[in-house]
Protein backbone atom coordinates (compact mmCIF):
# COMPACT_ATOMS: atom_id res chain seq x y z
CA MET A 1 98.42 118.78 172.23
CA THR A 2 96.81 122.15 172.47
CA ASP A 3 96.91 125.08 170.21
CA ASN A 4 98.97 126.68 172.43
CA ASP A 5 101.71 123.79 173.06
CA GLY A 6 101.67 123.65 169.25
CA ARG A 7 102.73 127.57 169.28
CA GLU A 8 105.10 127.14 172.02
CA GLN A 9 106.58 124.43 170.18
CA ILE A 10 106.77 126.50 167.13
CA ILE A 11 108.32 129.44 168.57
CA SER A 12 110.73 127.00 170.51
CA ASP A 13 111.91 125.48 167.17
CA TYR A 14 112.51 129.06 165.76
CA ARG A 15 114.48 130.11 168.50
CA ARG A 16 116.70 127.03 167.87
CA ALA A 17 116.99 127.44 164.19
CA CYS A 18 117.74 131.35 164.58
CA ALA A 19 120.55 130.12 167.21
CA THR A 20 122.10 127.61 164.81
CA LEU A 21 122.14 130.02 162.03
CA GLY A 22 123.79 132.51 164.33
CA ASP A 23 126.06 129.99 165.09
CA THR A 24 126.90 128.78 161.42
CA LEU A 25 127.19 132.46 160.35
CA ALA A 26 129.54 133.22 163.14
CA VAL A 27 132.19 130.93 162.02
CA ALA A 28 131.53 131.21 158.22
CA ARG A 29 133.96 133.37 156.39
CA ASP A 30 132.88 135.21 153.34
CA GLU A 31 135.02 133.21 150.84
CA ASP A 32 133.03 130.04 152.44
CA LEU A 33 130.16 131.74 151.49
CA ARG A 34 130.83 132.92 148.43
CA ARG A 35 131.60 129.49 147.20
CA ARG A 36 129.84 127.28 145.25
CA SER A 37 127.90 124.68 146.90
CA SER A 38 128.37 121.28 146.09
CA GLY A 39 125.86 119.90 143.40
CA THR A 40 124.13 122.84 142.90
CA ARG A 41 124.54 125.98 140.85
CA TRP A 42 124.14 128.12 144.18
CA THR A 43 126.55 129.58 146.37
CA ASN A 44 126.67 128.51 150.03
CA GLU A 45 125.18 131.60 150.91
CA GLU A 46 122.23 131.51 148.40
CA LEU A 47 121.63 127.70 149.57
CA LEU A 48 121.67 128.78 153.10
CA PHE A 49 119.12 131.57 152.21
CA HIS A 50 116.50 129.19 150.36
CA MET A 51 116.89 126.92 152.99
CA VAL A 52 115.99 129.45 156.05
CA PHE A 53 113.35 130.97 153.48
CA GLY A 54 111.96 127.69 152.78
CA TYR A 55 111.71 126.43 156.66
CA MET A 56 109.87 129.97 157.49
CA VAL A 57 107.64 129.34 154.40
CA VAL A 58 106.70 125.50 155.25
CA LEU A 59 106.01 126.61 159.00
CA ALA A 60 103.55 129.56 157.83
CA LEU A 61 101.53 127.02 155.34
CA LEU A 62 101.38 124.23 157.80
CA PRO A 63 98.10 125.31 158.94
CA LEU A 64 96.69 125.27 155.10
CA VAL A 65 98.32 121.64 154.88
CA ARG A 66 96.38 120.33 157.69
CA ILE A 67 93.01 121.87 156.33
CA LEU A 68 93.72 120.35 152.67
CA GLY A 69 94.67 117.00 154.24
CA HIS A 70 90.99 116.55 155.52
CA LEU A 71 89.63 117.60 152.09
CA PRO A 72 88.05 114.59 149.75
CA PRO A 73 90.25 113.33 147.14
CA PRO A 74 89.52 115.58 144.16
CA PRO A 75 90.05 119.02 145.71
CA GLY A 76 93.12 117.54 147.32
CA LYS A 77 94.73 116.15 143.81
CA ALA A 78 93.54 119.60 142.28
CA PHE A 79 95.67 121.47 144.77
CA ALA A 80 98.64 118.62 144.33
CA ARG A 81 98.69 119.39 140.76
CA LEU A 82 98.84 122.96 141.22
CA LEU A 83 101.52 122.87 143.47
CA ASN A 84 103.42 120.54 141.11
CA ALA A 85 102.95 123.22 138.20
CA SER A 86 104.34 125.75 140.28
CA THR A 87 107.47 123.69 141.22
CA ARG A 88 108.30 123.63 138.18
CA LEU A 89 108.10 126.99 137.22
CA SER A 90 109.74 127.93 140.04
CA THR A 91 112.67 125.82 139.69
CA SER A 92 113.17 127.04 136.30
CA THR A 93 112.79 130.80 136.86
CA SER A 94 114.84 130.50 140.28
CA MET A 95 117.89 129.07 139.41
CA PRO A 96 120.65 131.18 138.57
CA ASN A 97 122.34 130.97 134.70
CA ASN A 98 125.73 130.38 135.83
């Protein structure tokens, strides 16, 4: 796969995700979006936002992950520890207190 093929695949995936999101929002009622999601403390709207935002962040960070995947184990493990620490911090600060 060439860089251009990869870029075209990413653009295609974004367009598909955008269309799916548009279809979902077109049929979602306000009360559906405000309802608490099952198994979380978020509303369906908050959960949907976090899913879309996470998808965009992951795609943006893929080049970094590819680079770090080629590092020798010590720097890779240090980066993994950093990610784990930031995940705990993010989880404890981003959850609503309801």
